[in-house]
Amino acid sequence: MNRDEILKLPSVPAESPSYPHGPYRFIDREYLIISYETDRDAIKHAVPEPLEPNKDNIVLYEWIRMPDSSGFGDYTESGVVIPCTYKGEAVNFVAQMYLNDEPPIAGGREVWGFPKKYAEPKLEVKADTLTGTLHYGGQLVAMGTMAYKHESRDLAETAKSMTKTQVNLKIIPNVTGKGHSICQLVKYNLTEITIKGSWKSPARLQLVPHVNAPAADLPLKKVIGGLHFVADLTLPYGSVLHDYLK
């Protein structure tokens, strides 16, 4: 390979890249989002400066079913999102993510700094209940349940919520073992959003302490409610919000 060929590669390995160039289109992406109140000290510990955690101590626990994802395939994801502010702007900080597919784990971490780890999430309808589960190392870490499509939610309202700026903590260690080559807050915004259906219903959430999937470190105090929606959208590239090395 010459220099030009190397620079055109989307990712490694060179002979079979883990993921192609983006942006990345998702069709029929299905969400179960359960919002809950947690402990103030726990949420402050989980949010990196200069982000400011929300004053209501609200956490979003999510399951996302992705049956048709360009470049990534068919997979399911689960994790923790914390509403925050950055210089007065409302943003969502993605704190933990667990999924069952190698390309989006590699691409998510390398491009945007998504905090992705391999696990076994599942989102499915069981009779009258939308059910999300997350297993890590064969052990149950989280289970969420929501009554199935009890009340329709405004599609425009749902679409607007999806345009909110998302923020990740991206860390790439230095090959010398001394410090980091990259240490940034990265921001990005979903685009080309079409909401195909949106509902809100009563919900419940169970979080089980686990050392390698510590969602329960943000303890559940009170469930606020559940959202369920289906969307087509595009994940574009992002930009640097804050650089810790400068």
C-alpha atoms as a PDB file:
ATOM      1  CA  MET A   1       0.000   0.000   0.000  1.00  0.00           C
ATOM      2  CA  ASN A   2       1.183   3.501  -0.766  1.00  0.00           C
ATOM      3  CA  ARG A   3       0.452   6.607   1.292  1.00  0.00           C
ATOM      4  CA  ASP A   4      -2.638   7.618  -0.703  1.00  0.00           C
ATOM      5  CA  GLU A   5      -4.143   4.136  -0.369  1.00  0.00           C
ATOM      6  CA  ILE A   6      -3.515   4.144   3.371  1.00  0.00           C
ATOM      7  CA  LEU A   7      -5.125   7.566   3.839  1.00  0.00           C
ATOM      8  CA  LYS A   8      -8.271   6.423   2.007  1.00  0.00           C
ATOM      9  CA  LEU A   9      -8.885   3.555   4.430  1.00  0.00           C
ATOM     10  CA  PRO A  10     -12.002   4.072   6.600  1.00  0.00           C
ATOM     11  CA  SER A  11     -10.659   1.943   9.464  1.00  0.00           C
ATOM     12  CA  VAL A  12      -8.465  -1.042  10.312  1.00  0.00           C
ATOM     13  CA  PRO A  13      -7.716  -3.866   9.583  1.00  0.00           C
ATOM     14  CA  ALA A  14      -6.575  -2.593   6.192  1.00  0.00           C
ATOM     15  CA  GLU A  15      -7.601  -5.797   4.378  1.00  0.00           C
ATOM     16  CA  SER A  16     -11.074  -5.875   5.933  1.00  0.00           C
ATOM     17  CA  PRO A  17     -12.001  -2.545   7.580  1.00  0.00           C
ATOM     18  CA  SER A  18     -14.247  -2.854  10.631  1.00  0.00           C
ATOM     19  CA  TYR A  19     -16.601  -0.161   9.291  1.00  0.00           C
ATOM     20  CA  PRO A  20     -16.954   1.955   6.125  1.00  0.00           C
ATOM     21  CA  HIS A  21     -16.915   5.715   5.691  1.00  0.00           C
ATOM     22  CA  GLY A  22     -19.981   7.536   7.002  1.00  0.00           C
ATOM     23  CA  PRO A  23     -22.380   9.144   7.456  1.00  0.00           C
ATOM     24  CA  TYR A  24     -24.513   6.242   8.670  1.00  0.00           C
ATOM     25  CA  ARG A  25     -28.215   5.776   7.952  1.00  0.00           C
ATOM     26  CA  PHE A  26     -30.577   3.938  10.334  1.00  0.00           C
ATOM     27  CA  ILE A  27     -33.980   2.634   9.254  1.00  0.00           C
ATOM     28  CA  ASP A  28     -36.770   1.631  11.694  1.00  0.00           C
ATOM     29  CA  ARG A  29     -34.639   2.434  14.732  1.00  0.00           C
ATOM     30  CA  GLU A  30     -36.806   1.618  17.772  1.00  0.00           C
ATOM     31  CA  TYR A  31     -36.350   3.255  21.183  1.00  0.00           C
ATOM     32  CA  LEU A  32     -37.456   2.453  24.724  1.00  0.00           C
ATOM     33  CA  ILE A  33     -36.402   5.303  27.021  1.00  0.00           C
ATOM     34  CA  ILE A  34     -37.176   5.253  30.747  1.00  0.00           C
ATOM     35  CA  SER A  35     -36.462   8.456  32.645  1.00  0.00           C
ATOM     36  CA  TYR A  36     -35.798   8.314  36.365  1.00  0.00           C
ATOM     37  CA  GLU A  37     -34.537  10.363  39.291  1.00  0.00           C
ATOM     38  CA  THR A  38     -31.165   9.450  40.808  1.00  0.00           C
ATOM     39  CA  ASP A  39     -28.775  10.549  43.572  1.00  0.00           C
ATOM     40  CA  ARG A  40     -27.212  14.025  43.194  1.00  0.00           C
ATOM     41  CA  ASP A  41     -23.691  13.003  44.212  1.00  0.00           C
ATOM     42  CA  ALA A  42     -23.784  10.003  41.840  1.00  0.00           C
ATOM     43  CA  ILE A  43     -24.837  12.084  38.852  1.00  0.00           C
ATOM     44  CA  LYS A  44     -22.177  14.739  39.568  1.00  0.00           C
ATOM     45  CA  HIS A  45     -19.515  12.009  39.696  1.00  0.00           C
ATOM     46  CA  ALA A  46     -20.642  10.595  36.330  1.00  0.00           C
ATOM     47  CA  VAL A  47     -20.622  13.898  34.402  1.00  0.00           C
ATOM     48  CA  PRO A  48     -17.252  15.273  33.192  1.00  0.00           C
ATOM     49  CA  GLU A  49     -16.488  18.982  33.526  1.00  0.00           C
ATOM     50  CA  PRO A  50     -17.201  21.472  32.027  1.00  0.00           C
ATOM     51  CA  LEU A  51     -20.636  19.877  31.547  1.00  0.00           C
ATOM     52  CA  GLU A  52     -23.158  20.666  34.267  1.00  0.00           C
ATOM     53  CA  PRO A  53     -25.615  17.899  35.232  1.00  0.00           C
ATOM     54  CA  ASN A  54     -29.296  18.761  35.201  1.00  0.00           C
ATOM     55  CA  LYS A  55     -30.691  20.178  38.428  1.00  0.00           C
ATOM     56  CA  ASP A  56     -33.519  17.625  38.588  1.00  0.00           C
ATOM     57  CA  ASN A  57     -31.077  14.669  38.813  1.00  0.00           C
ATOM     58  CA  ILE A  58     -32.767  12.968  35.852  1.00  0.00           C
ATOM     59  CA  VAL A  59     -31.175  10.022  34.028  1.00  0.00           C
ATOM     60  CA  LEU A  60     -32.403   8.370  30.821  1.00  0.00           C
ATOM     61  CA  TYR A  61     -31.979   4.605  30.567  1.00  0.00           C
ATOM     62  CA  GLU A  62     -32.317   3.491  26.936  1.00  0.00           C
ATOM     63  CA  TRP A  63     -32.759   0.440  24.761  1.00  0.00           C
ATOM     64  CA  ILE A  64     -32.386   0.948  20.996  1.00  0.00           C
ATOM     65  CA  ARG A  65     -33.231  -1.731  18.446  1.00  0.00           C
ATOM     66  CA  MET A  66     -31.428  -1.158  15.118  1.00  0.00           C
ATOM     67  CA  PRO A  67     -32.475  -3.717  12.489  1.00  0.00           C
ATOM     68  CA  ASP A  68     -31.122  -1.813   9.444  1.00  0.00           C
ATOM     69  CA  SER A  69     -27.945   0.240   9.979  1.00  0.00           C
ATOM     70  CA  SER A  70     -25.737   1.117   7.001  1.00  0.00           C
ATOM     71  CA  GLY A  71     -22.222  -0.189   7.540  1.00  0.00           C
ATOM     72  CA  PHE A  72     -23.073  -1.655  10.944  1.00  0.00           C
ATOM     73  CA  GLY A  73     -25.812  -4.213  10.278  1.00  0.00           C
ATOM     74  CA  ASP A  74     -28.472  -5.442  12.706  1.00  0.00           C
ATOM     75  CA  TYR A  75     -27.945  -4.955  16.440  1.00  0.00           C
ATOM     76  CA  THR A  76     -29.377  -3.727  19.747  1.00  0.00           C
ATOM     77  CA  GLU A  77     -27.936  -1.225  22.195  1.00  0.00           C
ATOM     78  CA  SER A  78     -28.629  -0.245  25.797  1.00  0.00           C
ATOM     79  CA  GLY A  79     -27.196   2.378  28.098  1.00  0.00           C
ATOM     80  CA  VAL A  80     -27.242   5.514  30.220  1.00  0.00           C
ATOM     81  CA  VAL A  81     -27.746   9.097  28.985  1.00  0.00           C
ATOM     82  CA  ILE A  82     -27.602  12.111  31.315  1.00  0.00           C
ATOM     83  CA  PRO A  83     -29.229  15.450  30.400  1.00  0.00           C
ATOM     84  CA  CYS A  84     -26.709  18.267  31.027  1.00  0.00           C
ATOM     85  CA  THR A  85     -25.880  21.816  30.026  1.00  0.00           C
ATOM     86  CA  TYR A  86     -22.768  23.228  28.360  1.00  0.00           C
ATOM     87  CA  LYS A  87     -22.406  27.002  28.687  1.00  0.00           C
ATOM     88  CA  GLY A  88     -26.169  27.201  29.096  1.00  0.00           C
ATOM     89  CA  GLU A  89     -27.026  24.943  26.137  1.00  0.00           C
ATOM     90  CA  ALA A  90     -29.049  21.808  26.879  1.00  0.00           C
ATOM     91  CA  VAL A  91     -27.163  18.678  25.772  1.00  0.00           C
ATOM     92  CA  ASN A  92     -27.254  14.938  26.453  1.00  0.00           C
ATOM     93  CA  PHE A  93     -24.119  13.257  27.794  1.00  0.00           C
ATOM     94  CA  VAL A  94     -23.811   9.585  26.784  1.00  0.00           C
ATOM     95  CA  ALA A  95     -22.339   7.920  29.872  1.00  0.00           C
ATOM     96  CA  GLN A  96     -22.577   4.147  29.217  1.00  0.00           C
ATOM     97  CA  MET A  97     -23.446   1.999  26.186  1.00  0.00           C
ATOM     98  CA  TYR A  98     -23.687  -1.780  25.775  1.00  0.00           C
ATOM     99  CA  LEU A  99     -24.278  -3.607  22.473  1.00  0.00           C
ATOM    100  CA  ASN A 100     -23.805  -6.864  20.606  1.00  0.00           C
ATOM    101  CA  ASP A 101     -22.056  -5.982  17.325  1.00  0.00           C
ATOM    102  CA  GLU A 102     -18.347  -5.335  16.670  1.00  0.00           C
ATOM    103  CA  PRO A 103     -18.445  -2.705  13.845  1.00  0.00           C
ATOM    104  CA  PRO A 104     -20.490  -0.106  15.791  1.00  0.00           C
ATOM    105  CA  ILE A 105     -18.404  -0.775  18.915  1.00  0.00           C
ATOM    106  CA  ALA A 106     -15.173  -0.082  16.992  1.00  0.00           C
ATOM    107  CA  GLY A 107     -16.567   2.788  14.922  1.00  0.00           C
ATOM    108  CA  GLY A 108     -18.458   4.343  17.802  1.00  0.00           C
ATOM    109  CA  ARG A 109     -15.399   4.463  20.033  1.00  0.00           C
ATOM    110  CA  GLU A 110     -12.866   5.469  17.364  1.00  0.00           C
ATOM    111  CA  VAL A 111     -14.884   8.173  15.576  1.00  0.00           C
ATOM    112  CA  TRP A 112     -17.219   9.755  18.161  1.00  0.00           C
ATOM    113  CA  GLY A 113     -15.919   8.376  21.464  1.00  0.00           C
ATOM    114  CA  PHE A 114     -19.089   6.455  22.305  1.00  0.00           C
ATOM    115  CA  PRO A 115     -18.508   4.558  25.600  1.00  0.00           C
ATOM    116  CA  LYS A 116     -19.338   1.181  24.054  1.00  0.00           C
ATOM    117  CA  LYS A 117     -18.747  -2.273  25.515  1.00  0.00           C
ATOM    118  CA  TYR A 118     -19.841  -5.706  24.304  1.00  0.00           C
ATOM    119  CA  ALA A 119     -22.882  -7.142  26.091  1.00  0.00           C
ATOM    120  CA  GLU A 120     -26.262  -8.713  25.285  1.00  0.00           C
ATOM    121  CA  PRO A 121     -29.155  -6.230  25.196  1.00  0.00           C
ATOM    122  CA  LYS A 122     -32.591  -7.167  23.896  1.00  0.00           C
ATOM    123  CA  LEU A 123     -35.747  -5.166  23.096  1.00  0.00           C
ATOM    124  CA  GLU A 124     -38.945  -7.023  22.299  1.00  0.00           C
ATOM    125  CA  VAL A 125     -42.713  -6.993  22.707  1.00  0.00           C
ATOM    126  CA  LYS A 126     -44.067  -9.653  25.056  1.00  0.00           C
ATOM    127  CA  ALA A 127     -47.872  -9.722  24.825  1.00  0.00           C
ATOM    128  CA  ASP A 128     -48.945  -6.269  26.128  1.00  0.00           C
ATOM    129  CA  THR A 129     -45.485  -5.217  27.352  1.00  0.00           C
ATOM    130  CA  LEU A 130     -42.489  -3.622  25.654  1.00  0.00           C
ATOM    131  CA  THR A 131     -39.536  -5.240  27.428  1.00  0.00           C
ATOM    132  CA  GLY A 132     -35.865  -4.336  27.451  1.00  0.00           C
ATOM    133  CA  THR A 133     -33.180  -6.471  29.089  1.00  0.00           C
ATOM    134  CA  LEU A 134     -29.412  -6.181  29.355  1.00  0.00           C
ATOM    135  CA  HIS A 135     -27.110  -9.090  30.253  1.00  0.00           C
ATOM    136  CA  TYR A 136     -23.368  -8.702  30.779  1.00  0.00           C
ATOM    137  CA  GLY A 137     -21.269 -11.823  31.208  1.00  0.00           C
ATOM    138  CA  GLY A 138     -24.428 -13.899  31.535  1.00  0.00           C
ATOM    139  CA  GLN A 139     -25.788 -11.789  34.397  1.00  0.00           C
ATOM    140  CA  LEU A 140     -28.841  -9.519  34.330  1.00  0.00           C
ATOM    141  CA  VAL A 141     -27.788  -5.866  34.601  1.00  0.00           C
ATOM    142  CA  ALA A 142     -30.988  -4.011  33.669  1.00  0.00           C
ATOM    143  CA  MET A 143     -34.630  -4.691  32.868  1.00  0.00           C
ATOM    144  CA  GLY A 144     -37.164  -2.127  31.740  1.00  0.00           C
ATOM    145  CA  THR A 145     -40.852  -2.622  31.022  1.00  0.00           C
ATOM    146  CA  MET A 146     -43.375  -0.277  29.460  1.00  0.00           C
ATOM    147  CA  ALA A 147     -47.066  -0.702  28.728  1.00  0.00           C
ATOM    148  CA  TYR A 148     -47.407  -1.121  24.969  1.00  0.00           C
ATOM    149  CA  LYS A 149     -48.580   1.988  23.060  1.00  0.00           C
ATOM    150  CA  HIS A 150     -51.009   3.323  25.662  1.00  0.00           C
ATOM    151  CA  GLU A 151     -50.910   6.980  24.573  1.00  0.00           C
ATOM    152  CA  SER A 152     -49.717   8.543  21.329  1.00  0.00           C
ATOM    153  CA  ARG A 153     -47.094  11.287  21.543  1.00  0.00           C
ATOM    154  CA  ASP A 154     -46.814  14.198  19.119  1.00  0.00           C
ATOM    155  CA  LEU A 155     -44.466  13.241  16.284  1.00  0.00           C
ATOM    156  CA  ALA A 156     -43.071  16.764  15.898  1.00  0.00           C
ATOM    157  CA  GLU A 157     -42.294  16.937  19.618  1.00  0.00           C
ATOM    158  CA  THR A 158     -40.450  13.617  19.411  1.00  0.00           C
ATOM    159  CA  ALA A 159     -38.512  14.730  16.326  1.00  0.00           C
ATOM    160  CA  LYS A 160     -37.464  17.964  18.054  1.00  0.00           C
ATOM    161  CA  SER A 161     -36.144  16.045  21.068  1.00  0.00           C
ATOM    162  CA  MET A 162     -33.985  13.958  18.715  1.00  0.00           C
ATOM    163  CA  THR A 163     -32.178  17.060  17.388  1.00  0.00           C
ATOM    164  CA  LYS A 164     -30.690  17.857  20.808  1.00  0.00           C
ATOM    165  CA  THR A 165     -26.873  17.977  20.818  1.00  0.00           C
ATOM    166  CA  GLN A 166     -25.305  14.727  22.048  1.00  0.00           C
ATOM    167  CA  VAL A 167     -21.914  14.695  23.816  1.00  0.00           C
ATOM    168  CA  ASN A 168     -19.361  11.905  24.372  1.00  0.00           C
ATOM    169  CA  LEU A 169     -16.078  11.742  26.264  1.00  0.00           C
ATOM    170  CA  LYS A 170     -13.522  10.543  23.694  1.00  0.00           C
ATOM    171  CA  ILE A 171     -10.225   9.148  25.012  1.00  0.00           C
ATOM    172  CA  ILE A 172      -7.436   7.611  22.900  1.00  0.00           C
ATOM    173  CA  PRO A 173      -4.380   6.628  24.991  1.00  0.00           C
ATOM    174  CA  ASN A 174      -0.890   7.470  23.752  1.00  0.00           C
ATOM    175  CA  VAL A 175       1.028   4.477  22.359  1.00  0.00           C
ATOM    176  CA  THR A 176       3.915   5.319  24.734  1.00  0.00           C
ATOM    177  CA  GLY A 177       1.659   4.647  27.705  1.00  0.00           C
ATOM    178  CA  LYS A 178       2.200   8.199  28.930  1.00  0.00           C
ATOM    179  CA  GLY A 179      -1.000  10.214  28.873  1.00  0.00           C
ATOM    180  CA  HIS A 180      -3.482  10.450  26.013  1.00  0.00           C
ATOM    181  CA  SER A 181      -3.204  11.262  22.320  1.00  0.00           C
ATOM    182  CA  ILE A 182      -6.845  12.423  22.350  1.00  0.00           C
ATOM    183  CA  CYS A 183      -8.932  13.542  25.333  1.00  0.00           C
ATOM    184  CA  GLN A 184     -11.994  15.504  24.235  1.00  0.00           C
ATOM    185  CA  LEU A 185     -15.671  16.127  24.634  1.00  0.00           C
ATOM    186  CA  VAL A 186     -17.147  15.432  21.185  1.00  0.00           C
ATOM    187  CA  LYS A 187     -20.515  16.710  20.029  1.00  0.00           C
ATOM    188  CA  TYR A 188     -22.808  15.595  17.197  1.00  0.00           C
ATOM    189  CA  ASN A 189     -26.413  16.030  16.082  1.00  0.00           C
ATOM    190  CA  LEU A 190     -28.631  13.459  14.403  1.00  0.00           C
ATOM    191  CA  THR A 191     -30.044  14.552  11.028  1.00  0.00           C
ATOM    192  CA  GLU A 192     -32.668  13.538   8.424  1.00  0.00           C
ATOM    193  CA  ILE A 193     -35.027  12.448  11.200  1.00  0.00           C
ATOM    194  CA  THR A 194     -38.411  10.905  10.373  1.00  0.00           C
ATOM    195  CA  ILE A 195     -40.569   9.756  13.295  1.00  0.00           C
ATOM    196  CA  LYS A 196     -42.819   6.874  12.254  1.00  0.00           C
ATOM    197  CA  GLY A 197     -44.647   6.476  15.565  1.00  0.00           C
ATOM    198  CA  SER A 198     -44.306   7.713  19.140  1.00  0.00           C
ATOM    199  CA  TRP A 199     -45.955   6.712  22.416  1.00  0.00           C
ATOM    200  CA  LYS A 200     -45.745   7.300  26.159  1.00  0.00           C
ATOM    201  CA  SER A 201     -46.865   4.856  28.818  1.00  0.00           C
ATOM    202  CA  PRO A 202     -46.280   3.821  32.435  1.00  0.00           C
ATOM    203  CA  ALA A 203     -42.862   2.176  32.874  1.00  0.00           C
ATOM    204  CA  ARG A 204     -40.716   0.355  35.418  1.00  0.00           C
ATOM    205  CA  LEU A 205     -36.955  -0.132  35.655  1.00  0.00           C
ATOM    206  CA  GLN A 206     -34.681  -2.515  37.553  1.00  0.00           C
ATOM    207  CA  LEU A 207     -30.900  -1.976  37.794  1.00  0.00           C
ATOM    208  CA  VAL A 208     -28.605  -4.680  39.197  1.00  0.00           C
ATOM    209  CA  PRO A 209     -25.103  -3.764  40.501  1.00  0.00           C
ATOM    210  CA  HIS A 210     -22.348  -5.098  38.228  1.00  0.00           C
ATOM    211  CA  VAL A 211     -18.680  -4.143  38.302  1.00  0.00           C
ATOM    212  CA  ASN A 212     -18.250  -4.118  34.496  1.00  0.00           C
ATOM    213  CA  ALA A 213     -21.647  -2.620  33.632  1.00  0.00           C
ATOM    214  CA  PRO A 214     -22.205  -0.133  36.476  1.00  0.00           C
ATOM    215  CA  ALA A 215     -25.554   1.356  35.455  1.00  0.00           C
ATOM    216  CA  ALA A 216     -26.772   0.821  39.024  1.00  0.00           C
ATOM    217  CA  ASP A 217     -24.104   3.263  40.248  1.00  0.00           C
ATOM    218  CA  LEU A 218     -26.732   5.845  39.269  1.00  0.00           C
ATOM    219  CA  PRO A 219     -29.293   4.449  41.725  1.00  0.00           C
ATOM    220  CA  LEU A 220     -32.985   4.438  40.909  1.00  0.00           C
ATOM    221  CA  LYS A 221     -35.015   6.678  43.211  1.00  0.00           C
ATOM    222  CA  LYS A 222     -38.189   7.252  41.205  1.00  0.00           C
ATOM    223  CA  VAL A 223     -39.340   6.358  37.696  1.00  0.00           C
ATOM    224  CA  ILE A 224     -40.642   9.405  35.820  1.00  0.00           C
ATOM    225  CA  GLY A 225     -42.054   7.652  32.742  1.00  0.00           C
ATOM    226  CA  GLY A 226     -41.438   5.758  29.533  1.00  0.00           C
ATOM    227  CA  LEU A 227     -41.157   6.744  25.863  1.00  0.00           C
ATOM    228  CA  HIS A 228     -41.354   4.406  22.863  1.00  0.00           C
ATOM    229  CA  PHE A 229     -40.813   5.547  19.293  1.00  0.00           C
ATOM    230  CA  VAL A 230     -39.618   4.384  15.880  1.00  0.00           C
ATOM    231  CA  ALA A 231     -37.509   6.583  13.602  1.00  0.00           C
ATOM    232  CA  ASP A 232     -35.359   6.774  10.497  1.00  0.00           C
ATOM    233  CA  LEU A 233     -32.299   8.983  10.978  1.00  0.00           C
ATOM    234  CA  THR A 234     -28.709   9.682   9.992  1.00  0.00           C
ATOM    235  CA  LEU A 235     -25.682   9.732  12.288  1.00  0.00           C
ATOM    236  CA  PRO A 236     -23.197  12.208  10.757  1.00  0.00           C
ATOM    237  CA  TYR A 237     -19.673  13.038  11.836  1.00  0.00           C
ATOM    238  CA  GLY A 238     -19.270  15.441  14.754  1.00  0.00           C
ATOM    239  CA  SER A 239     -16.914  18.097  16.096  1.00  0.00           C
ATOM    240  CA  VAL A 240     -14.807  18.824  19.168  1.00  0.00           C
ATOM    241  CA  LEU A 241     -16.693  20.619  21.945  1.00  0.00           C
ATOM    242  CA  HIS A 242     -13.875  20.733  24.518  1.00  0.00           C
ATOM    243  CA  ASP A 243     -10.234  19.609  24.376  1.00  0.00           C
ATOM    244  CA  TYR A 244      -8.704  18.612  27.720  1.00  0.00           C
ATOM    245  CA  LEU A 245      -5.177  18.623  26.255  1.00  0.00           C
ATOM    246  CA  LYS A 246      -5.254  22.344  25.348  1.00  0.00           C
END
